């Protein structure tokens, strides 16, 4: 099954801040890098919470009372929140990257269990890869001692 056009268009539109942020981190001046870094880390945490909320919605829609599925749905928001407390930019980016991979693994399970539509992983896989590439770029730039945002 193909990904519905609205989900495809809005999913890719939601990735634009990652691409723009990573690009600004590479090409921008130090003040631009610093500002971009903080905005992008906030956006990455926000989108992570959004992805977790999808699973809360799947649990609600299926009228399931499963602690495990509801529990999994709040972990991404908590990891995004924890990342705010990490001073080192590389550690912050690493926590977010691991969380994005984790959410994608849960997405795969949701599709296998029939909780999410079959097309969902077709949407999420390339978006997750793009986000991970952008986070890697940000981590590389932010981890450069001569340019690291503090």
C-alpha atoms as a PDB file:
ATOM      1  CA  UNK A   1       0.000   0.000   0.000  1.00  0.00           C
ATOM      2  CA  UNK A   2       1.230   3.488  -0.832  1.00  0.00           C
ATOM      3  CA  UNK A   3       1.694   6.193   1.756  1.00  0.00           C
ATOM      4  CA  UNK A   4      -1.278   8.598   1.662  1.00  0.00           C
ATOM      5  CA  UNK A   5      -0.323  11.900   0.048  1.00  0.00           C
ATOM      6  CA  UNK A   6      -1.197  14.077   3.093  1.00  0.00           C
ATOM      7  CA  UNK A   7       0.975  11.936   5.393  1.00  0.00           C
ATOM      8  CA  UNK A   8       3.785  11.906   2.843  1.00  0.00           C
ATOM      9  CA  UNK A   9       3.701  15.655   2.197  1.00  0.00           C
ATOM     10  CA  UNK A  10       3.383  16.677   5.837  1.00  0.00           C
ATOM     11  CA  UNK A  11       5.941  14.109   6.986  1.00  0.00           C
ATOM     12  CA  UNK A  12       8.550  15.467   4.582  1.00  0.00           C
ATOM     13  CA  UNK A  13       7.598  19.045   5.419  1.00  0.00           C
ATOM     14  CA  UNK A  14       8.263  18.202   9.056  1.00  0.00           C
ATOM     15  CA  UNK A  15      11.776  17.096   8.089  1.00  0.00           C
ATOM     16  CA  UNK A  16      12.655  20.474   6.565  1.00  0.00           C
ATOM     17  CA  UNK A  17      13.783  22.029   9.889  1.00  0.00           C
ATOM     18  CA  UNK A  18      16.244  19.158  10.315  1.00  0.00           C
ATOM     19  CA  UNK A  19      17.726  19.706   6.858  1.00  0.00           C
ATOM     20  CA  UNK A  20      17.736  23.487   7.244  1.00  0.00           C
ATOM     21  CA  UNK A  21      19.223  23.252  10.709  1.00  0.00           C
ATOM     22  CA  UNK A  22      22.003  20.881   9.691  1.00  0.00           C
ATOM     23  CA  UNK A  23      22.783  23.086   6.701  1.00  0.00           C
ATOM     24  CA  UNK A  24      22.882  26.217   8.862  1.00  0.00           C
ATOM     25  CA  UNK A  25      25.168  24.456  11.333  1.00  0.00           C
ATOM     26  CA  UNK A  26      27.640  23.686   8.544  1.00  0.00           C
ATOM     27  CA  UNK A  27      27.465  26.992   6.680  1.00  0.00           C
ATOM     28  CA  UNK A  28      26.543  29.500   9.364  1.00  0.00           C
ATOM     29  CA  UNK A  29      28.633  31.827  11.445  1.00  0.00           C
ATOM     30  CA  UNK A  30      29.202  31.020  15.112  1.00  0.00           C
ATOM     31  CA  UNK A  31      26.120  32.946  16.322  1.00  0.00           C
ATOM     32  CA  UNK A  32      23.993  31.248  13.636  1.00  0.00           C
ATOM     33  CA  UNK A  33      25.367  27.843  14.653  1.00  0.00           C
ATOM     34  CA  UNK A  34      24.597  28.436  18.311  1.00  0.00           C
ATOM     35  CA  UNK A  35      21.057  29.658  17.701  1.00  0.00           C
ATOM     36  CA  UNK A  36      20.372  26.909  15.175  1.00  0.00           C
ATOM     37  CA  UNK A  37      21.713  24.258  17.516  1.00  0.00           C
ATOM     38  CA  UNK A  38      19.325  25.208  20.314  1.00  0.00           C
ATOM     39  CA  UNK A  39      16.322  25.563  18.011  1.00  0.00           C
ATOM     40  CA  UNK A  40      17.062  22.265  16.306  1.00  0.00           C
ATOM     41  CA  UNK A  41      17.545  20.390  19.584  1.00  0.00           C
ATOM     42  CA  UNK A  42      14.196  21.749  20.766  1.00  0.00           C
ATOM     43  CA  UNK A  43      12.525  20.750  17.507  1.00  0.00           C
ATOM     44  CA  UNK A  44      14.097  17.276  17.615  1.00  0.00           C
ATOM     45  CA  UNK A  45      12.716  16.758  21.133  1.00  0.00           C
ATOM     46  CA  UNK A  46       9.308  18.051  20.113  1.00  0.00           C
ATOM     47  CA  UNK A  47       9.076  15.732  17.100  1.00  0.00           C
ATOM     48  CA  UNK A  48      10.270  12.829  19.229  1.00  0.00           C
ATOM     49  CA  UNK A  49       7.371  13.467  21.616  1.00  0.00           C
ATOM     50  CA  UNK A  50       5.018  13.670  18.624  1.00  0.00           C
ATOM     51  CA  UNK A  51       6.206  10.270  17.381  1.00  0.00           C
ATOM     52  CA  UNK A  52       5.633   8.771  20.811  1.00  0.00           C
ATOM     53  CA  UNK A  53       2.152  10.265  20.884  1.00  0.00           C
ATOM     54  CA  UNK A  54       1.344   8.341  17.712  1.00  0.00           C
ATOM     55  CA  UNK A  55       1.632   5.152  19.764  1.00  0.00           C
ATOM     56  CA  UNK A  56      -0.561   6.568  22.526  1.00  0.00           C
ATOM     57  CA  UNK A  57      -3.135   7.224  19.815  1.00  0.00           C
ATOM     58  CA  UNK A  58      -2.760   3.695  18.440  1.00  0.00           C
ATOM     59  CA  UNK A  59      -3.425   2.294  21.891  1.00  0.00           C
ATOM     60  CA  UNK A  60      -6.482   4.508  22.283  1.00  0.00           C
ATOM     61  CA  UNK A  61      -7.824   3.689  18.836  1.00  0.00           C
ATOM     62  CA  UNK A  62      -7.559  -0.021  19.481  1.00  0.00           C
ATOM     63  CA  UNK A  63      -9.308   0.431  22.828  1.00  0.00           C
ATOM     64  CA  UNK A  64      -6.410  -1.413  24.454  1.00  0.00           C
ATOM     65  CA  UNK A  65      -5.556  -1.202  28.096  1.00  0.00           C
ATOM     66  CA  UNK A  66      -1.938  -2.273  27.884  1.00  0.00           C
ATOM     67  CA  UNK A  67       0.534  -0.680  30.223  1.00  0.00           C
ATOM     68  CA  UNK A  68       3.374  -1.660  27.922  1.00  0.00           C
ATOM     69  CA  UNK A  69       2.086   0.166  24.854  1.00  0.00           C
ATOM     70  CA  UNK A  70       1.100   3.289  26.763  1.00  0.00           C
ATOM     71  CA  UNK A  71       4.453   3.137  28.566  1.00  0.00           C
ATOM     72  CA  UNK A  72       6.377   2.891  25.309  1.00  0.00           C
ATOM     73  CA  UNK A  73       4.473   5.881  23.984  1.00  0.00           C
ATOM     74  CA  UNK A  74       5.754   8.233  26.704  1.00  0.00           C
ATOM     75  CA  UNK A  75       9.412   7.153  26.585  1.00  0.00           C
ATOM     76  CA  UNK A  76      10.291   9.329  23.552  1.00  0.00           C
ATOM     77  CA  UNK A  77       8.999  12.489  25.244  1.00  0.00           C
ATOM     78  CA  UNK A  78      10.925  11.619  28.396  1.00  0.00           C
ATOM     79  CA  UNK A  79      14.134  11.017  26.446  1.00  0.00           C
ATOM     80  CA  UNK A  80      13.678  14.335  24.632  1.00  0.00           C
ATOM     81  CA  UNK A  81      13.220  16.027  28.000  1.00  0.00           C
ATOM     82  CA  UNK A  82      16.277  14.282  29.489  1.00  0.00           C
ATOM     83  CA  UNK A  83      18.354  15.446  26.524  1.00  0.00           C
ATOM     84  CA  UNK A  84      17.722  19.050  27.596  1.00  0.00           C
ATOM     85  CA  UNK A  85      19.702  18.410  30.762  1.00  0.00           C
ATOM     86  CA  UNK A  86      22.769  17.167  28.946  1.00  0.00           C
ATOM     87  CA  UNK A  87      25.375  19.876  28.716  1.00  0.00           C
ATOM     88  CA  UNK A  88      27.628  18.204  26.164  1.00  0.00           C
ATOM     89  CA  UNK A  89      26.194  18.710  22.650  1.00  0.00           C
ATOM     90  CA  UNK A  90      27.452  15.343  21.406  1.00  0.00           C
ATOM     91  CA  UNK A  91      25.731  13.487  24.248  1.00  0.00           C
ATOM     92  CA  UNK A  92      22.532  15.429  23.635  1.00  0.00           C
ATOM     93  CA  UNK A  93      22.552  14.554  19.934  1.00  0.00           C
ATOM     94  CA  UNK A  94      23.416  10.924  20.725  1.00  0.00           C
ATOM     95  CA  UNK A  95      20.471  10.528  23.117  1.00  0.00           C
ATOM     96  CA  UNK A  96      18.125  11.993  20.509  1.00  0.00           C
ATOM     97  CA  UNK A  97      19.527   9.775  17.735  1.00  0.00           C
ATOM     98  CA  UNK A  98      19.183   6.618  19.829  1.00  0.00           C
ATOM     99  CA  UNK A  99      15.637   7.644  20.735  1.00  0.00           C
ATOM    100  CA  UNK A 100      14.707   8.127  17.062  1.00  0.00           C
ATOM    101  CA  UNK A 101      16.028   4.645  16.254  1.00  0.00           C
ATOM    102  CA  UNK A 102      14.094   3.228  19.207  1.00  0.00           C
ATOM    103  CA  UNK A 103      10.846   4.853  18.120  1.00  0.00           C
ATOM    104  CA  UNK A 104      11.311   3.465  14.625  1.00  0.00           C
ATOM    105  CA  UNK A 105      11.795  -0.037  16.072  1.00  0.00           C
ATOM    106  CA  UNK A 106       8.527   0.375  17.976  1.00  0.00           C
ATOM    107  CA  UNK A 107       6.888   1.612  14.753  1.00  0.00           C
ATOM    108  CA  UNK A 108       7.924  -1.635  13.052  1.00  0.00           C
ATOM    109  CA  UNK A 109       6.378  -3.651  15.875  1.00  0.00           C
ATOM    110  CA  UNK A 110       3.165  -1.621  15.692  1.00  0.00           C
ATOM    111  CA  UNK A 111       2.825  -2.444  11.990  1.00  0.00           C
ATOM    112  CA  UNK A 112       3.611  -6.132  12.584  1.00  0.00           C
ATOM    113  CA  UNK A 113       0.951  -6.286  15.313  1.00  0.00           C
ATOM    114  CA  UNK A 114      -1.585  -4.604  13.045  1.00  0.00           C
ATOM    115  CA  UNK A 115      -1.823  -1.531  15.269  1.00  0.00           C
ATOM    116  CA  UNK A 116      -0.499   0.832  12.600  1.00  0.00           C
ATOM    117  CA  UNK A 117      -1.190   0.752   8.858  1.00  0.00           C
ATOM    118  CA  UNK A 118       1.225  -1.176   6.638  1.00  0.00           C
ATOM    119  CA  UNK A 119       2.374   2.033   4.919  1.00  0.00           C
ATOM    120  CA  UNK A 120       3.557   3.610   8.182  1.00  0.00           C
ATOM    121  CA  UNK A 121       7.068   2.144   8.066  1.00  0.00           C
ATOM    122  CA  UNK A 122       7.360   3.174   4.412  1.00  0.00           C
ATOM    123  CA  UNK A 123       6.887   6.745   5.581  1.00  0.00           C
ATOM    124  CA  UNK A 124       8.943   6.546   8.744  1.00  0.00           C
ATOM    125  CA  UNK A 125      12.033   4.733   7.450  1.00  0.00           C
ATOM    126  CA  UNK A 126      13.346   7.385   5.021  1.00  0.00           C
ATOM    127  CA  UNK A 127      12.354  10.184   7.396  1.00  0.00           C
ATOM    128  CA  UNK A 128      14.209   8.491  10.256  1.00  0.00           C
ATOM    129  CA  UNK A 129      17.297   8.019   8.093  1.00  0.00           C
ATOM    130  CA  UNK A 130      17.205  11.693   7.088  1.00  0.00           C
ATOM    131  CA  UNK A 131      16.795  12.823  10.695  1.00  0.00           C
ATOM    132  CA  UNK A 132      19.707  10.616  11.781  1.00  0.00           C
ATOM    133  CA  UNK A 133      21.935  12.042   9.040  1.00  0.00           C
ATOM    134  CA  UNK A 134      21.018  15.582  10.080  1.00  0.00           C
ATOM    135  CA  UNK A 135      21.620  14.800  13.756  1.00  0.00           C
ATOM    136  CA  UNK A 136      25.012  13.282  12.846  1.00  0.00           C
ATOM    137  CA  UNK A 137      25.961  16.486  11.021  1.00  0.00           C
ATOM    138  CA  UNK A 138      24.851  18.583  13.977  1.00  0.00           C
ATOM    139  CA  UNK A 139      26.743  16.320  16.361  1.00  0.00           C
ATOM    140  CA  UNK A 140      29.876  16.572  14.243  1.00  0.00           C
ATOM    141  CA  UNK A 141      29.743  20.368  14.055  1.00  0.00           C
ATOM    142  CA  UNK A 142      28.726  20.790  17.694  1.00  0.00           C
ATOM    143  CA  UNK A 143      31.389  18.311  18.790  1.00  0.00           C
ATOM    144  CA  UNK A 144      34.163  20.259  17.093  1.00  0.00           C
ATOM    145  CA  UNK A 145      35.939  21.868  20.076  1.00  0.00           C
ATOM    146  CA  UNK A 146      36.651  25.083  18.191  1.00  0.00           C
ATOM    147  CA  UNK A 147      32.987  25.522  17.202  1.00  0.00           C
ATOM    148  CA  UNK A 148      30.931  23.648  19.812  1.00  0.00           C
ATOM    149  CA  UNK A 149      27.836  25.405  21.152  1.00  0.00           C
ATOM    150  CA  UNK A 150      27.782  25.578  24.933  1.00  0.00           C
END
